């Protein structure tokens, strides 16, 4: 029987992912002669795009264990790992180690199964 698990979601990670494009836009657009209204519209578009990406990732990031494989889905990406290829498992807070929406301890996250 297959078991599917959704990723935890760190609220702080969502805030950073939404705010980072806005801050980057502020630095990029500052001094380019754009009106305040144009900058606000671009910032709003960045927030909408970042929010949409986070929503897409949150709705699709899941880990499924089958009898033979670990199936990982995260937005447009997916991985299939044979269980017999897994030699060890260890906790990590490294964002490059896996497709996860949580980096901290369980108390900092929202859990959905």
PDB file of N, CA and C in Angstrom:
ATOM      1  N   UNK A   1       0.846  -1.182   0.000  1.00  0.00           N
ATOM      2  CA  UNK A   1       0.000   0.000   0.000  1.00  0.00           C
ATOM      3  C   UNK A   1       0.894   1.250   0.000  1.00  0.00           C
ATOM      4  N   UNK A   2       0.591   2.198  -0.854  1.00  0.00           N
ATOM      5  CA  UNK A   2       1.368   3.431  -0.962  1.00  0.00           C
ATOM      6  C   UNK A   2       1.010   4.394   0.170  1.00  0.00           C
ATOM      7  N   UNK A   3       2.026   5.103   0.656  1.00  0.00           N
ATOM      8  CA  UNK A   3       1.827   6.139   1.670  1.00  0.00           C
ATOM      9  C   UNK A   3       2.329   7.460   1.105  1.00  0.00           C
ATOM     10  N   UNK A   4       1.477   8.475   1.141  1.00  0.00           N
ATOM     11  CA  UNK A   4       1.852   9.788   0.615  1.00  0.00           C
ATOM     12  C   UNK A   4       1.907  10.793   1.763  1.00  0.00           C
ATOM     13  N   UNK A   5       2.933  11.649   1.726  1.00  0.00           N
ATOM     14  CA  UNK A   5       3.126  12.659   2.756  1.00  0.00           C
ATOM     15  C   UNK A   5       3.375  14.002   2.097  1.00  0.00           C
ATOM     16  N   UNK A   6       2.722  15.022   2.606  1.00  0.00           N
ATOM     17  CA  UNK A   6       2.937  16.388   2.118  1.00  0.00           C
ATOM     18  C   UNK A   6       4.063  17.027   2.909  1.00  0.00           C
ATOM     19  N   UNK A   7       4.694  17.993   2.315  1.00  0.00           N
ATOM     20  CA  UNK A   7       5.796  18.695   2.966  1.00  0.00           C
ATOM     21  C   UNK A   7       5.279  19.614   4.067  1.00  0.00           C
ATOM     22  N   UNK A   8       6.094  19.768   5.111  1.00  0.00           N
ATOM     23  CA  UNK A   8       5.816  20.806   6.097  1.00  0.00           C
ATOM     24  C   UNK A   8       5.982  22.148   5.395  1.00  0.00           C
ATOM     25  N   UNK A   9       5.424  23.187   5.973  1.00  0.00           N
ATOM     26  CA  UNK A   9       5.528  24.522   5.393  1.00  0.00           C
ATOM     27  C   UNK A   9       5.970  25.493   6.475  1.00  0.00           C
ATOM     28  N   UNK A  10       7.152  26.092   6.306  1.00  0.00           N
ATOM     29  CA  UNK A  10       7.622  27.110   7.226  1.00  0.00           C
ATOM     30  C   UNK A  10       7.038  28.454   6.821  1.00  0.00           C
ATOM     31  N   UNK A  11       6.367  29.103   7.762  1.00  0.00           N
ATOM     32  CA  UNK A  11       5.760  30.404   7.484  1.00  0.00           C
ATOM     33  C   UNK A  11       6.845  31.434   7.162  1.00  0.00           C
ATOM     34  N   UNK A  12       7.961  31.398   7.877  1.00  0.00           N
ATOM     35  CA  UNK A  12       9.030  32.369   7.620  1.00  0.00           C
ATOM     36  C   UNK A  12       9.597  32.211   6.217  1.00  0.00           C
ATOM     37  N   UNK A  13       9.630  30.968   5.718  1.00  0.00           N
ATOM     38  CA  UNK A  13      10.135  30.724   4.371  1.00  0.00           C
ATOM     39  C   UNK A  13       9.201  31.323   3.326  1.00  0.00           C
ATOM     40  N   UNK A  14       7.904  31.265   3.583  1.00  0.00           N
ATOM     41  CA  UNK A  14       6.917  31.879   2.686  1.00  0.00           C
ATOM     42  C   UNK A  14       7.111  33.395   2.666  1.00  0.00           C
ATOM     43  N   UNK A  15       7.293  33.998   3.837  1.00  0.00           N
ATOM     44  CA  UNK A  15       7.485  35.449   3.921  1.00  0.00           C
ATOM     45  C   UNK A  15       8.740  35.862   3.151  1.00  0.00           C
ATOM     46  N   UNK A  16       9.831  35.128   3.325  1.00  0.00           N
ATOM     47  CA  UNK A  16      11.075  35.443   2.609  1.00  0.00           C
ATOM     48  C   UNK A  16      10.875  35.287   1.102  1.00  0.00           C
ATOM     49  N   UNK A  17      10.208  34.234   0.685  1.00  0.00           N
ATOM     50  CA  UNK A  17      10.010  33.985  -0.745  1.00  0.00           C
ATOM     51  C   UNK A  17       9.128  35.040  -1.399  1.00  0.00           C
ATOM     52  N   UNK A  18       8.212  35.611  -0.644  1.00  0.00           N
ATOM     53  CA  UNK A  18       7.351  36.659  -1.201  1.00  0.00           C
ATOM     54  C   UNK A  18       8.050  38.015  -1.150  1.00  0.00           C
ATOM     55  N   UNK A  19       8.777  38.288  -0.066  1.00  0.00           N
ATOM     56  CA  UNK A  19       9.412  39.602   0.090  1.00  0.00           C
ATOM     57  C   UNK A  19      10.675  39.767  -0.753  1.00  0.00           C
ATOM     58  N   UNK A  20      11.397  38.693  -1.005  1.00  0.00           N
ATOM     59  CA  UNK A  20      12.662  38.792  -1.746  1.00  0.00           C
ATOM     60  C   UNK A  20      12.493  39.426  -3.127  1.00  0.00           C
ATOM     61  N   UNK A  21      11.488  39.022  -3.933  1.00  0.00           N
ATOM     62  CA  UNK A  21      11.339  39.679  -5.236  1.00  0.00           C
ATOM     63  C   UNK A  21      11.008  41.165  -5.120  1.00  0.00           C
ATOM     64  N   UNK A  22      10.246  41.539  -4.111  1.00  0.00           N
ATOM     65  CA  UNK A  22       9.877  42.944  -3.929  1.00  0.00           C
ATOM     66  C   UNK A  22      11.114  43.767  -3.569  1.00  0.00           C
ATOM     67  N   UNK A  23      11.930  43.265  -2.654  1.00  0.00           N
ATOM     68  CA  UNK A  23      13.144  43.975  -2.266  1.00  0.00           C
ATOM     69  C   UNK A  23      14.105  44.067  -3.451  1.00  0.00           C
ATOM     70  N   UNK A  24      14.244  42.967  -4.196  1.00  0.00           N
ATOM     71  CA  UNK A  24      15.120  42.979  -5.373  1.00  0.00           C
ATOM     72  C   UNK A  24      14.638  43.990  -6.398  1.00  0.00           C
ATOM     73  N   UNK A  25      13.324  44.056  -6.614  1.00  0.00           N
ATOM     74  CA  UNK A  25      12.767  45.034  -7.559  1.00  0.00           C
ATOM     75  C   UNK A  25      13.056  46.455  -7.109  1.00  0.00           C
ATOM     76  N   UNK A  26      12.944  46.703  -5.820  1.00  0.00           N
ATOM     77  CA  UNK A  26      13.193  48.049  -5.301  1.00  0.00           C
ATOM     78  C   UNK A  26      14.609  48.497  -5.643  1.00  0.00           C
ATOM     79  N   UNK A  27      15.572  47.598  -5.446  1.00  0.00           N
ATOM     80  CA  UNK A  27      16.956  47.946  -5.763  1.00  0.00           C
ATOM     81  C   UNK A  27      17.187  48.065  -7.267  1.00  0.00           C
ATOM     82  N   UNK A  28      16.569  47.196  -8.044  1.00  0.00           N
ATOM     83  CA  UNK A  28      16.755  47.220  -9.489  1.00  0.00           C
ATOM     84  C   UNK A  28      16.103  48.436 -10.142  1.00  0.00           C
ATOM     85  N   UNK A  29      14.938  48.804  -9.647  1.00  0.00           N
ATOM     86  CA  UNK A  29      14.172  49.863 -10.290  1.00  0.00           C
ATOM     87  C   UNK A  29      14.505  51.255  -9.755  1.00  0.00           C
ATOM     88  N   UNK A  30      15.165  51.300  -8.604  1.00  0.00           N
ATOM     89  CA  UNK A  30      15.510  52.592  -8.022  1.00  0.00           C
ATOM     90  C   UNK A  30      16.475  53.333  -8.952  1.00  0.00           C
ATOM     91  N   UNK A  31      16.136  54.525  -9.288  1.00  0.00           N
ATOM     92  CA  UNK A  31      17.008  55.329 -10.135  1.00  0.00           C
ATOM     93  C   UNK A  31      16.820  55.115 -11.624  1.00  0.00           C
ATOM     94  N   UNK A  32      15.843  54.308 -12.018  1.00  0.00           N
ATOM     95  CA  UNK A  32      15.613  54.073 -13.443  1.00  0.00           C
ATOM     96  C   UNK A  32      14.638  55.082 -14.040  1.00  0.00           C
ATOM     97  N   UNK A  33      14.156  55.992 -13.223  1.00  0.00           N
ATOM     98  CA  UNK A  33      13.255  57.019 -13.725  1.00  0.00           C
ATOM     99  C   UNK A  33      11.808  56.576 -13.859  1.00  0.00           C
ATOM    100  N   UNK A  34      11.456  55.420 -13.292  1.00  0.00           N
ATOM    101  CA  UNK A  34      10.069  54.964 -13.356  1.00  0.00           C
ATOM    102  C   UNK A  34       9.232  55.706 -12.315  1.00  0.00           C
ATOM    103  N   UNK A  35       7.976  55.869 -12.629  1.00  0.00           N
ATOM    104  CA  UNK A  35       7.077  56.530 -11.678  1.00  0.00           C
ATOM    105  C   UNK A  35       6.833  55.616 -10.483  1.00  0.00           C
ATOM    106  N   UNK A  36       6.413  56.220  -9.395  1.00  0.00           N
ATOM    107  CA  UNK A  36       6.098  55.457  -8.181  1.00  0.00           C
ATOM    108  C   UNK A  36       4.986  54.445  -8.461  1.00  0.00           C
ATOM    109  N   UNK A  37       4.038  54.831  -9.295  1.00  0.00           N
ATOM    110  CA  UNK A  37       2.927  53.928  -9.652  1.00  0.00           C
ATOM    111  C   UNK A  37       3.442  52.710 -10.414  1.00  0.00           C
ATOM    112  N   UNK A  38       4.355  52.916 -11.357  1.00  0.00           N
ATOM    113  CA  UNK A  38       4.916  51.795 -12.122  1.00  0.00           C
ATOM    114  C   UNK A  38       5.674  50.846 -11.211  1.00  0.00           C
ATOM    115  N   UNK A  39       6.433  51.402 -10.275  1.00  0.00           N
ATOM    116  CA  UNK A  39       7.179  50.569  -9.325  1.00  0.00           C
ATOM    117  C   UNK A  39       6.218  49.772  -8.456  1.00  0.00           C
ATOM    118  N   UNK A  40       5.130  50.402  -7.997  1.00  0.00           N
ATOM    119  CA  UNK A  40       4.136  49.697  -7.181  1.00  0.00           C
ATOM    120  C   UNK A  40       3.465  48.576  -7.962  1.00  0.00           C
ATOM    121  N   UNK A  41       3.157  48.810  -9.221  1.00  0.00           N
ATOM    122  CA  UNK A  41       2.529  47.772 -10.053  1.00  0.00           C
ATOM    123  C   UNK A  41       3.492  46.603 -10.239  1.00  0.00           C
ATOM    124  N   UNK A  42       4.756  46.883 -10.520  1.00  0.00           N
ATOM    125  CA  UNK A  42       5.736  45.816 -10.680  1.00  0.00           C
ATOM    126  C   UNK A  42       5.940  45.043  -9.374  1.00  0.00           C
ATOM    127  N   UNK A  43       5.941  45.742  -8.246  1.00  0.00           N
ATOM    128  CA  UNK A  43       6.070  45.078  -6.945  1.00  0.00           C
ATOM    129  C   UNK A  43       4.864  44.173  -6.696  1.00  0.00           C
ATOM    130  N   UNK A  44       3.676  44.657  -7.037  1.00  0.00           N
ATOM    131  CA  UNK A  44       2.471  43.839  -6.876  1.00  0.00           C
ATOM    132  C   UNK A  44       2.540  42.598  -7.755  1.00  0.00           C
ATOM    133  N   UNK A  45       2.989  42.752  -8.985  1.00  0.00           N
ATOM    134  CA  UNK A  45       3.133  41.600  -9.873  1.00  0.00           C
ATOM    135  C   UNK A  45       4.141  40.591  -9.319  1.00  0.00           C
ATOM    136  N   UNK A  46       5.220  41.086  -8.732  1.00  0.00           N
ATOM    137  CA  UNK A  46       6.217  40.196  -8.133  1.00  0.00           C
ATOM    138  C   UNK A  46       5.622  39.419  -6.958  1.00  0.00           C
ATOM    139  N   UNK A  47       4.830  40.091  -6.129  1.00  0.00           N
ATOM    140  CA  UNK A  47       4.189  39.422  -4.991  1.00  0.00           C
ATOM    141  C   UNK A  47       3.196  38.371  -5.482  1.00  0.00           C
ATOM    142  N   UNK A  48       2.406  38.700  -6.498  1.00  0.00           N
ATOM    143  CA  UNK A  48       1.438  37.750  -7.042  1.00  0.00           C
ATOM    144  C   UNK A  48       2.162  36.541  -7.637  1.00  0.00           C
ATOM    145  N   UNK A  49       3.236  36.786  -8.397  1.00  0.00           N
ATOM    146  CA  UNK A  49       3.989  35.677  -9.000  1.00  0.00           C
ATOM    147  C   UNK A  49       4.630  34.796  -7.925  1.00  0.00           C
ATOM    148  N   UNK A  50       5.246  35.404  -6.924  1.00  0.00           N
ATOM    149  CA  UNK A  50       5.875  34.628  -5.844  1.00  0.00           C
ATOM    150  C   UNK A  50       4.827  33.853  -5.055  1.00  0.00           C
ATOM    151  N   UNK A  51       3.682  34.476  -4.779  1.00  0.00           N
ATOM    152  CA  UNK A  51       2.609  33.796  -4.057  1.00  0.00           C
ATOM    153  C   UNK A  51       2.075  32.619  -4.866  1.00  0.00           C
ATOM    154  N   UNK A  52       1.918  32.821  -6.168  1.00  0.00           N
ATOM    155  CA  UNK A  52       1.446  31.741  -7.035  1.00  0.00           C
ATOM    156  C   UNK A  52       2.417  30.578  -7.063  1.00  0.00           C
ATOM    157  N   UNK A  53       3.712  30.878  -7.145  1.00  0.00           N
ATOM    158  CA  UNK A  53       4.722  29.823  -7.136  1.00  0.00           C
ATOM    159  C   UNK A  53       4.696  29.064  -5.821  1.00  0.00           C
ATOM    160  N   UNK A  54       4.612  29.772  -4.708  1.00  0.00           N
ATOM    161  CA  UNK A  54       4.566  29.118  -3.398  1.00  0.00           C
ATOM    162  C   UNK A  54       3.319  28.253  -3.276  1.00  0.00           C
ATOM    163  N   UNK A  55       2.183  28.761  -3.731  1.00  0.00           N
ATOM    164  CA  UNK A  55       0.949  27.987  -3.676  1.00  0.00           C
ATOM    165  C   UNK A  55       1.089  26.717  -4.505  1.00  0.00           C
ATOM    166  N   UNK A  56       1.656  26.837  -5.718  1.00  0.00           N
ATOM    167  CA  UNK A  56       1.852  25.686  -6.594  1.00  0.00           C
ATOM    168  C   UNK A  56       2.766  24.650  -5.936  1.00  0.00           C
ATOM    169  N   UNK A  57       3.878  25.128  -5.372  1.00  0.00           N
ATOM    170  CA  UNK A  57       4.794  24.209  -4.706  1.00  0.00           C
ATOM    171  C   UNK A  57       4.139  23.545  -3.502  1.00  0.00           C
ATOM    172  N   UNK A  58       3.423  24.328  -2.708  1.00  0.00           N
ATOM    173  CA  UNK A  58       2.780  23.776  -1.513  1.00  0.00           C
ATOM    174  C   UNK A  58       1.725  22.735  -1.878  1.00  0.00           C
ATOM    175  N   UNK A  59       0.963  23.009  -2.914  1.00  0.00           N
ATOM    176  CA  UNK A  59      -0.103  22.082  -3.290  1.00  0.00           C
ATOM    177  C   UNK A  59       0.435  20.800  -3.928  1.00  0.00           C
ATOM    178  N   UNK A  60       1.644  20.842  -4.482  1.00  0.00           N
ATOM    179  CA  UNK A  60       2.137  19.661  -5.196  1.00  0.00           C
ATOM    180  C   UNK A  60       3.316  18.961  -4.540  1.00  0.00           C
ATOM    181  N   UNK A  61       3.954  19.561  -3.525  1.00  0.00           N
ATOM    182  CA  UNK A  61       5.121  18.919  -2.912  1.00  0.00           C
ATOM    183  C   UNK A  61       4.653  17.795  -2.006  1.00  0.00           C
ATOM    184  N   UNK A  62       5.043  16.587  -2.418  1.00  0.00           N
ATOM    185  CA  UNK A  62       4.677  15.399  -1.633  1.00  0.00           C
ATOM    186  C   UNK A  62       5.683  14.302  -1.891  1.00  0.00           C
ATOM    187  N   UNK A  63       5.754  13.416  -0.924  1.00  0.00           N
ATOM    188  CA  UNK A  63       6.646  12.272  -0.977  1.00  0.00           C
ATOM    189  C   UNK A  63       5.765  11.034  -0.884  1.00  0.00           C
ATOM    190  N   UNK A  64       5.899  10.118  -1.834  1.00  0.00           N
ATOM    191  CA  UNK A  64       5.080   8.910  -1.852  1.00  0.00           C
ATOM    192  C   UNK A  64       5.998   7.702  -1.759  1.00  0.00           C
ATOM    193  N   UNK A  65       5.731   6.850  -0.787  1.00  0.00           N
ATOM    194  CA  UNK A  65       6.466   5.605  -0.629  1.00  0.00           C
ATOM    195  C   UNK A  65       5.647   4.475  -1.218  1.00  0.00           C
ATOM    196  N   UNK A  66       6.235   3.775  -2.179  1.00  0.00           N
ATOM    197  CA  UNK A  66       5.609   2.570  -2.725  1.00  0.00           C
ATOM    198  C   UNK A  66       6.422   1.382  -2.222  1.00  0.00           C
ATOM    199  N   UNK A  67       6.105   0.223  -2.662  1.00  0.00           N
ATOM    200  CA  UNK A  67       6.863  -0.953  -2.254  1.00  0.00           C
ATOM    201  C   UNK A  67       8.297  -0.934  -2.742  1.00  0.00           C
ATOM    202  N   UNK A  68       8.565  -0.228  -3.829  1.00  0.00           N
ATOM    203  CA  UNK A  68       9.899  -0.251  -4.428  1.00  0.00           C
ATOM    204  C   UNK A  68      10.551   1.125  -4.582  1.00  0.00           C
ATOM    205  N   UNK A  69       9.756   2.199  -4.517  1.00  0.00           N
ATOM    206  CA  UNK A  69      10.282   3.516  -4.852  1.00  0.00           C
ATOM    207  C   UNK A  69       9.848   4.588  -3.862  1.00  0.00           C
ATOM    208  N   UNK A  70      10.664   5.645  -3.805  1.00  0.00           N
ATOM    209  CA  UNK A  70      10.288   6.901  -3.179  1.00  0.00           C
ATOM    210  C   UNK A  70      10.029   7.864  -4.329  1.00  0.00           C
ATOM    211  N   UNK A  71       8.808   8.319  -4.461  1.00  0.00           N
ATOM    212  CA  UNK A  71       8.418   9.250  -5.514  1.00  0.00           C
ATOM    213  C   UNK A  71       8.311  10.641  -4.898  1.00  0.00           C
ATOM    214  N   UNK A  72       9.000  11.598  -5.498  1.00  0.00           N
ATOM    215  CA  UNK A  72       9.010  12.965  -4.979  1.00  0.00           C
ATOM    216  C   UNK A  72       8.478  13.884  -6.057  1.00  0.00           C
ATOM    217  N   UNK A  73       7.528  14.723  -5.677  1.00  0.00           N
ATOM    218  CA  UNK A  73       6.934  15.693  -6.610  1.00  0.00           C
ATOM    219  C   UNK A  73       7.010  17.062  -5.959  1.00  0.00           C
ATOM    220  N   UNK A  74       7.488  18.060  -6.706  1.00  0.00           N
ATOM    221  CA  UNK A  74       7.603  19.424  -6.194  1.00  0.00           C
ATOM    222  C   UNK A  74       7.403  20.377  -7.361  1.00  0.00           C
ATOM    223  N   UNK A  75       6.197  20.914  -7.504  1.00  0.00           N
ATOM    224  CA  UNK A  75       5.913  21.818  -8.611  1.00  0.00           C
ATOM    225  C   UNK A  75       6.168  21.124  -9.932  1.00  0.00           C
ATOM    226  N   UNK A  76       7.006  21.716 -10.792  1.00  0.00           N
ATOM    227  CA  UNK A  76       7.247  21.123 -12.108  1.00  0.00           C
ATOM    228  C   UNK A  76       8.281  19.991 -12.078  1.00  0.00           C
ATOM    229  N   UNK A  77       8.838  19.695 -10.911  1.00  0.00           N
ATOM    230  CA  UNK A  77       9.909  18.711 -10.811  1.00  0.00           C
ATOM    231  C   UNK A  77       9.412  17.422 -10.181  1.00  0.00           C
ATOM    232  N   UNK A  78      10.027  16.318 -10.564  1.00  0.00           N
ATOM    233  CA  UNK A  78       9.705  15.037  -9.926  1.00  0.00           C
ATOM    234  C   UNK A  78      10.936  14.138  -9.974  1.00  0.00           C
ATOM    235  N   UNK A  79      11.049  13.278  -8.978  1.00  0.00           N
ATOM    236  CA  UNK A  79      12.145  12.342  -8.866  1.00  0.00           C
ATOM    237  C   UNK A  79      11.585  10.980  -8.510  1.00  0.00           C
ATOM    238  N   UNK A  80      12.231   9.929  -8.993  1.00  0.00           N
ATOM    239  CA  UNK A  80      11.903   8.552  -8.629  1.00  0.00           C
ATOM    240  C   UNK A  80      13.195   7.931  -8.118  1.00  0.00           C
ATOM    241  N   UNK A  81      13.174   7.495  -6.860  1.00  0.00           N
ATOM    242  CA  UNK A  81      14.364   6.914  -6.233  1.00  0.00           C
ATOM    243  C   UNK A  81      14.020   5.503  -5.780  1.00  0.00           C
ATOM    244  N   UNK A  82      14.800   4.543  -6.255  1.00  0.00           N
ATOM    245  CA  UNK A  82      14.595   3.157  -5.819  1.00  0.00           C
ATOM    246  C   UNK A  82      14.956   3.044  -4.339  1.00  0.00           C
ATOM    247  N   UNK A  83      14.100   2.381  -3.566  1.00  0.00           N
ATOM    248  CA  UNK A  83      14.347   2.262  -2.126  1.00  0.00           C
ATOM    249  C   UNK A  83      15.648   1.527  -1.836  1.00  0.00           C
ATOM    250  N   UNK A  84      16.036   0.586  -2.677  1.00  0.00           N
ATOM    251  CA  UNK A  84      17.280  -0.144  -2.416  1.00  0.00           C
ATOM    252  C   UNK A  84      18.524   0.701  -2.694  1.00  0.00           C
ATOM    253  N   UNK A  85      18.361   1.894  -3.289  1.00  0.00           N
ATOM    254  CA  UNK A  85      19.480   2.811  -3.490  1.00  0.00           C
ATOM    255  C   UNK A  85      19.709   3.732  -2.291  1.00  0.00           C
ATOM    256  N   UNK A  86      18.762   3.786  -1.379  1.00  0.00           N
ATOM    257  CA  UNK A  86      18.875   4.645  -0.195  1.00  0.00           C
ATOM    258  C   UNK A  86      19.726   3.906   0.834  1.00  0.00           C
ATOM    259  N   UNK A  87      20.869   4.504   1.180  1.00  0.00           N
ATOM    260  CA  UNK A  87      21.783   3.850   2.121  1.00  0.00           C
ATOM    261  C   UNK A  87      21.625   4.361   3.542  1.00  0.00           C
ATOM    262  N   UNK A  88      21.251   5.642   3.712  1.00  0.00           N
ATOM    263  CA  UNK A  88      21.001   6.169   5.054  1.00  0.00           C
ATOM    264  C   UNK A  88      20.151   7.430   4.940  1.00  0.00           C
ATOM    265  N   UNK A  89      19.528   7.764   6.050  1.00  0.00           N
ATOM    266  CA  UNK A  89      18.672   8.947   6.137  1.00  0.00           C
ATOM    267  C   UNK A  89      19.116   9.721   7.371  1.00  0.00           C
ATOM    268  N   UNK A  90      19.252  11.033   7.210  1.00  0.00           N
ATOM    269  CA  UNK A  90      19.628  11.849   8.353  1.00  0.00           C
ATOM    270  C   UNK A  90      18.924  13.198   8.267  1.00  0.00           C
ATOM    271  N   UNK A  91      18.596  13.794   9.420  1.00  0.00           N
ATOM    272  CA  UNK A  91      17.951  15.106   9.414  1.00  0.00           C
ATOM    273  C   UNK A  91      18.918  16.180   8.922  1.00  0.00           C
ATOM    274  N   UNK A  92      18.380  17.190   8.253  1.00  0.00           N
ATOM    275  CA  UNK A  92      19.204  18.281   7.762  1.00  0.00           C
ATOM    276  C   UNK A  92      18.385  19.565   7.720  1.00  0.00           C
ATOM    277  N   UNK A  93      19.072  20.681   7.762  1.00  0.00           N
ATOM    278  CA  UNK A  93      18.430  21.992   7.601  1.00  0.00           C
ATOM    279  C   UNK A  93      18.981  22.682   6.364  1.00  0.00           C
ATOM    280  N   UNK A  94      19.632  21.907   5.499  1.00  0.00           N
ATOM    281  CA  UNK A  94      20.232  22.424   4.281  1.00  0.00           C
ATOM    282  C   UNK A  94      19.168  22.531   3.188  1.00  0.00           C
ATOM    283  N   UNK A  95      18.914  23.717   2.644  1.00  0.00           N
ATOM    284  CA  UNK A  95      17.866  23.858   1.636  1.00  0.00           C
ATOM    285  C   UNK A  95      18.201  23.160   0.320  1.00  0.00           C
ATOM    286  N   UNK A  96      19.455  22.810   0.093  1.00  0.00           N
ATOM    287  CA  UNK A  96      19.854  22.140  -1.146  1.00  0.00           C
ATOM    288  C   UNK A  96      19.751  20.620  -1.057  1.00  0.00           C
ATOM    289  N   UNK A  97      19.415  20.092   0.118  1.00  0.00           N
ATOM    290  CA  UNK A  97      19.439  18.650   0.306  1.00  0.00           C
ATOM    291  C   UNK A  97      18.200  17.941  -0.231  1.00  0.00           C
ATOM    292  N   UNK A  98      17.098  18.644  -0.337  1.00  0.00           N
ATOM    293  CA  UNK A  98      15.870  17.989  -0.800  1.00  0.00           C
ATOM    294  C   UNK A  98      14.824  19.038  -1.163  1.00  0.00           C
ATOM    295  N   UNK A  99      13.820  18.637  -1.927  1.00  0.00           N
ATOM    296  CA  UNK A  99      12.711  19.551  -2.204  1.00  0.00           C
ATOM    297  C   UNK A  99      11.777  19.593  -0.990  1.00  0.00           C
ATOM    298  N   UNK A 100      11.960  20.566  -0.144  1.00  0.00           N
ATOM    299  CA  UNK A 100      11.152  20.688   1.062  1.00  0.00           C
ATOM    300  C   UNK A 100      10.776  22.147   1.256  1.00  0.00           C
ATOM    301  N   UNK A 101       9.621  22.373   1.825  1.00  0.00           N
ATOM    302  CA  UNK A 101       9.145  23.721   2.096  1.00  0.00           C
ATOM    303  C   UNK A 101       9.357  24.096   3.556  1.00  0.00           C
ATOM    304  N   UNK A 102      10.167  23.304   4.252  1.00  0.00           N
ATOM    305  CA  UNK A 102      10.453  23.533   5.661  1.00  0.00           C
ATOM    306  C   UNK A 102      11.930  23.250   5.917  1.00  0.00           C
ATOM    307  N   UNK A 103      12.563  24.122   6.682  1.00  0.00           N
ATOM    308  CA  UNK A 103      13.972  23.933   7.009  1.00  0.00           C
ATOM    309  C   UNK A 103      14.208  23.799   8.502  1.00  0.00           C
ATOM    310  N   UNK A 104      13.237  24.172   9.312  1.00  0.00           N
ATOM    311  CA  UNK A 104      13.450  24.209  10.752  1.00  0.00           C
ATOM    312  C   UNK A 104      12.819  23.039  11.474  1.00  0.00           C
ATOM    313  N   UNK A 105      12.880  23.065  12.811  1.00  0.00           N
ATOM    314  CA  UNK A 105      12.246  22.025  13.609  1.00  0.00           C
ATOM    315  C   UNK A 105      10.737  22.048  13.446  1.00  0.00           C
ATOM    316  N   UNK A 106      10.106  20.958  13.827  1.00  0.00           N
ATOM    317  CA  UNK A 106       8.669  20.791  13.625  1.00  0.00           C
ATOM    318  C   UNK A 106       7.841  21.890  14.274  1.00  0.00           C
ATOM    319  N   UNK A 107       8.313  22.466  15.347  1.00  0.00           N
ATOM    320  CA  UNK A 107       7.550  23.519  16.019  1.00  0.00           C
ATOM    321  C   UNK A 107       7.404  24.794  15.203  1.00  0.00           C
ATOM    322  N   UNK A 108       8.271  25.001  14.214  1.00  0.00           N
ATOM    323  CA  UNK A 108       8.223  26.195  13.395  1.00  0.00           C
ATOM    324  C   UNK A 108       7.384  26.028  12.139  1.00  0.00           C
ATOM    325  N   UNK A 109       6.794  24.874  11.950  1.00  0.00           N
ATOM    326  CA  UNK A 109       6.172  24.536  10.679  1.00  0.00           C
ATOM    327  C   UNK A 109       4.690  24.237  10.813  1.00  0.00           C
ATOM    328  N   UNK A 110       4.024  24.284   9.685  1.00  0.00           N
ATOM    329  CA  UNK A 110       2.648  23.826   9.590  1.00  0.00           C
ATOM    330  C   UNK A 110       2.700  22.450   8.931  1.00  0.00           C
ATOM    331  N   UNK A 111       2.068  21.457   9.493  1.00  0.00           N
ATOM    332  CA  UNK A 111       2.135  20.103   8.955  1.00  0.00           C
ATOM    333  C   UNK A 111       0.829  19.734   8.290  1.00  0.00           C
ATOM    334  N   UNK A 112       0.924  19.142   7.115  1.00  0.00           N
ATOM    335  CA  UNK A 112      -0.273  18.639   6.432  1.00  0.00           C
ATOM    336  C   UNK A 112       0.034  17.252   5.936  1.00  0.00           C
ATOM    337  N   UNK A 113      -0.892  16.354   6.121  1.00  0.00           N
ATOM    338  CA  UNK A 113      -0.722  14.988   5.611  1.00  0.00           C
ATOM    339  C   UNK A 113      -1.851  14.629   4.714  1.00  0.00           C
TER     340      UNK A 113
END
